[in-house]
C-alpha atoms as a PDB file:
ATOM      1  CA  UNK A   1      31.765  -0.074 -17.954  1.00  0.00           C
ATOM      2  CA  UNK A   2      32.329  -2.689 -20.703  1.00  0.00           C
ATOM      3  CA  UNK A   3      28.922  -4.533 -21.476  1.00  0.00           C
ATOM      4  CA  UNK A   4      30.784  -8.271 -20.640  1.00  0.00           C
ATOM      5  CA  UNK A   5      31.572  -7.030 -16.902  1.00  0.00           C
ATOM      6  CA  UNK A   6      27.886  -5.604 -16.635  1.00  0.00           C
ATOM      7  CA  UNK A   7      26.453  -9.334 -17.950  1.00  0.00           C
ATOM      8  CA  UNK A   8      28.994 -10.878 -15.874  1.00  0.00           C
ATOM      9  CA  UNK A   9      28.083  -9.123 -12.804  1.00  0.00           C
ATOM     10  CA  UNK A  10      24.621  -9.713 -13.137  1.00  0.00           C
ATOM     11  CA  UNK A  11      25.223 -13.505 -13.982  1.00  0.00           C
ATOM     12  CA  UNK A  12      27.253 -13.743 -10.859  1.00  0.00           C
ATOM     13  CA  UNK A  13      24.507 -11.992  -8.448  1.00  0.00           C
ATOM     14  CA  UNK A  14      21.877 -14.467  -9.963  1.00  0.00           C
ATOM     15  CA  UNK A  15      23.780 -17.265  -9.290  1.00  0.00           C
ATOM     16  CA  UNK A  16      24.213 -16.233  -5.735  1.00  0.00           C
ATOM     17  CA  UNK A  17      20.779 -15.636  -5.246  1.00  0.00           C
ATOM     18  CA  UNK A  18      19.500 -19.022  -6.946  1.00  0.00           C
ATOM     19  CA  UNK A  19      22.319 -20.495  -4.706  1.00  0.00           C
ATOM     20  CA  UNK A  20      20.666 -19.054  -1.510  1.00  0.00           C
ATOM     21  CA  UNK A  21      17.061 -19.853  -2.468  1.00  0.00           C
ATOM     22  CA  UNK A  22      18.303 -23.323  -3.151  1.00  0.00           C
ATOM     23  CA  UNK A  23      19.922 -23.719   0.315  1.00  0.00           C
ATOM     24  CA  UNK A  24      17.028 -22.076   2.023  1.00  0.00           C
ATOM     25  CA  UNK A  25      14.581 -24.309   0.055  1.00  0.00           C
ATOM     26  CA  UNK A  26      16.513 -27.454   1.078  1.00  0.00           C
ATOM     27  CA  UNK A  27      17.306 -26.424   4.586  1.00  0.00           C
ATOM     28  CA  UNK A  28      13.814 -26.159   5.230  1.00  0.00           C
ATOM     29  CA  UNK A  29      12.578 -29.251   3.994  1.00  0.00           C
ATOM     30  CA  UNK A  30      11.870 -28.001   0.458  1.00  0.00           C
ATOM     31  CA  UNK A  31       8.204 -27.862  -0.767  1.00  0.00           C
ATOM     32  CA  UNK A  32       7.028 -31.362   1.370  1.00  0.00           C
ATOM     33  CA  UNK A  33       5.845 -29.108   4.823  1.00  0.00           C
ATOM     34  CA  UNK A  34       3.490 -26.761   2.699  1.00  0.00           C
ATOM     35  CA  UNK A  35       2.395 -29.834   0.377  1.00  0.00           C
ATOM     36  CA  UNK A  36       1.135 -31.729   3.687  1.00  0.00           C
ATOM     37  CA  UNK A  37      -0.375 -28.482   4.833  1.00  0.00           C
ATOM     38  CA  UNK A  38      -1.912 -27.698   1.416  1.00  0.00           C
ATOM     39  CA  UNK A  39      -3.281 -31.149   1.114  1.00  0.00           C
ATOM     40  CA  UNK A  40      -4.717 -31.205   4.944  1.00  0.00           C
ATOM     41  CA  UNK A  41      -6.592 -28.129   3.976  1.00  0.00           C
ATOM     42  CA  UNK A  42      -8.053 -29.332   0.909  1.00  0.00           C
ATOM     43  CA  UNK A  43      -9.208 -32.435   2.650  1.00  0.00           C
ATOM     44  CA  UNK A  44     -10.638 -30.614   5.532  1.00  0.00           C
ATOM     45  CA  UNK A  45     -12.381 -28.384   3.345  1.00  0.00           C
ATOM     46  CA  UNK A  46     -13.965 -31.171   1.306  1.00  0.00           C
ATOM     47  CA  UNK A  47     -14.975 -32.988   4.582  1.00  0.00           C
ATOM     48  CA  UNK A  48     -16.728 -30.039   5.547  1.00  0.00           C
ATOM     49  CA  UNK A  49     -18.635 -29.442   2.730  1.00  0.00           C
ATOM     50  CA  UNK A  50     -17.388 -26.007   1.961  1.00  0.00           C
ATOM     51  CA  UNK A  51     -19.716 -24.557  -0.838  1.00  0.00           C
ATOM     52  CA  UNK A  52     -19.080 -22.277  -3.876  1.00  0.00           C
ATOM     53  CA  UNK A  53     -15.837 -20.093  -3.946  1.00  0.00           C
ATOM     54  CA  UNK A  54     -17.779 -16.980  -4.824  1.00  0.00           C
ATOM     55  CA  UNK A  55     -21.155 -16.605  -3.916  1.00  0.00           C
ATOM     56  CA  UNK A  56     -22.468 -13.087  -5.164  1.00  0.00           C
ATOM     57  CA  UNK A  57     -25.515 -13.058  -3.154  1.00  0.00           C
ATOM     58  CA  UNK A  58     -23.625 -13.277   0.248  1.00  0.00           C
ATOM     59  CA  UNK A  59     -21.644  -9.971  -0.713  1.00  0.00           C
ATOM     60  CA  UNK A  60     -18.010  -9.112   0.055  1.00  0.00           C
ATOM     61  CA  UNK A  61     -16.435 -12.546   0.952  1.00  0.00           C
ATOM     62  CA  UNK A  62     -14.093 -12.064   3.912  1.00  0.00           C
ATOM     63  CA  UNK A  63     -12.005 -15.050   5.161  1.00  0.00           C
ATOM     64  CA  UNK A  64     -13.370 -17.044   8.123  1.00  0.00           C
ATOM     65  CA  UNK A  65     -10.639 -16.301  10.461  1.00  0.00           C
ATOM     66  CA  UNK A  66     -11.508 -12.301  10.086  1.00  0.00           C
ATOM     67  CA  UNK A  67     -15.184 -12.637  10.254  1.00  0.00           C
ATOM     68  CA  UNK A  68     -14.871 -14.753  13.493  1.00  0.00           C
ATOM     69  CA  UNK A  69     -12.648 -12.964  15.338  1.00  0.00           C
ATOM     70  CA  UNK A  70     -14.042  -9.508  14.851  1.00  0.00           C
ATOM     71  CA  UNK A  71     -11.628  -8.099  12.759  1.00  0.00           C
ATOM     72  CA  UNK A  72     -13.948  -6.800   9.708  1.00  0.00           C
ATOM     73  CA  UNK A  73     -13.670  -3.311  11.152  1.00  0.00           C
ATOM     74  CA  UNK A  74      -9.785  -3.509  10.999  1.00  0.00           C
ATOM     75  CA  UNK A  75      -9.736  -4.959   7.666  1.00  0.00           C
ATOM     76  CA  UNK A  76     -11.750  -2.704   6.202  1.00  0.00           C
ATOM     77  CA  UNK A  77     -10.024   0.019   7.227  1.00  0.00           C
ATOM     78  CA  UNK A  78      -6.704  -1.567   6.042  1.00  0.00           C
ATOM     79  CA  UNK A  79      -8.332  -1.780   2.750  1.00  0.00           C
ATOM     80  CA  UNK A  80      -9.772   1.666   2.556  1.00  0.00           C
ATOM     81  CA  UNK A  81      -6.461   2.973   3.311  1.00  0.00           C
ATOM     82  CA  UNK A  82      -4.476   0.746   0.883  1.00  0.00           C
ATOM     83  CA  UNK A  83      -7.276   2.217  -1.984  1.00  0.00           C
ATOM     84  CA  UNK A  84      -6.535   5.652  -1.056  1.00  0.00           C
ATOM     85  CA  UNK A  85      -2.892   5.327  -1.236  1.00  0.00           C
ATOM     86  CA  UNK A  86      -3.120   3.536  -4.542  1.00  0.00           C
ATOM     87  CA  UNK A  87      -5.147   6.273  -5.920  1.00  0.00           C
ATOM     88  CA  UNK A  88      -3.261   9.051  -4.475  1.00  0.00           C
ATOM     89  CA  UNK A  89      -0.223   7.490  -5.909  1.00  0.00           C
ATOM     90  CA  UNK A  90      -1.861   7.369  -9.339  1.00  0.00           C
ATOM     91  CA  UNK A  91      -2.981  10.856  -9.145  1.00  0.00           C
ATOM     92  CA  UNK A  92       0.783  11.948  -7.991  1.00  0.00           C
ATOM     93  CA  UNK A  93       2.053  10.261 -11.159  1.00  0.00           C
ATOM     94  CA  UNK A  94      -0.270  11.627 -13.580  1.00  0.00           C
ATOM     95  CA  UNK A  95       0.456  15.100 -11.963  1.00  0.00           C
ATOM     96  CA  UNK A  96       3.895  15.125 -11.962  1.00  0.00           C
ATOM     97  CA  UNK A  97       4.834  13.057 -14.807  1.00  0.00           C
ATOM     98  CA  UNK A  98       5.556  15.942 -17.068  1.00  0.00           C
ATOM     99  CA  UNK A  99       7.654  17.819 -14.183  1.00  0.00           C
ATOM    100  CA  UNK A 100       5.303  21.040 -13.874  1.00  0.00           C
ATOM    101  CA  UNK A 101       2.108  21.535 -12.264  1.00  0.00           C
ATOM    102  CA  UNK A 102       0.360  23.108 -15.237  1.00  0.00           C
ATOM    103  CA  UNK A 103       0.036  19.515 -16.843  1.00  0.00           C
ATOM    104  CA  UNK A 104       1.489  20.765 -20.124  1.00  0.00           C
ATOM    105  CA  UNK A 105       4.280  18.588 -22.067  1.00  0.00           C
ATOM    106  CA  UNK A 106       7.525  19.862 -21.718  1.00  0.00           C
ATOM    107  CA  UNK A 107       9.705  20.395 -25.063  1.00  0.00           C
ATOM    108  CA  UNK A 108      13.325  20.033 -25.498  1.00  0.00           C
ATOM    109  CA  UNK A 109      14.436  23.538 -25.003  1.00  0.00           C
ATOM    110  CA  UNK A 110      14.264  24.827 -28.693  1.00  0.00           C
ATOM    111  CA  UNK A 111      11.948  27.431 -29.193  1.00  0.00           C
ATOM    112  CA  UNK A 112      10.412  27.854 -32.866  1.00  0.00           C
ATOM    113  CA  UNK A 113      11.108  31.442 -34.256  1.00  0.00           C
END
């Protein structure tokens, strides 16, 4: 395939995705609903007093609805599962990066005499 066809196809795909995103953005009202919600959340937080964003004396910071709803156990379980999956994928990638289980690097198939 010729290079100009590849770049042309990529540019066409980018244009279609950009047009679809712009259409979706304008048809839902753009950023205005989100800006209103964000402004209200900031004003409400400022009115209630709040406090520091990070308070190391309190331990792990978990969002209010999670703690008020009694979902801390489920939240911690999800975090533990995601950390375990991440660590597992890391060890899988390290072990099988070279394609062999013995951990030695592969050569190009040409043995020196």
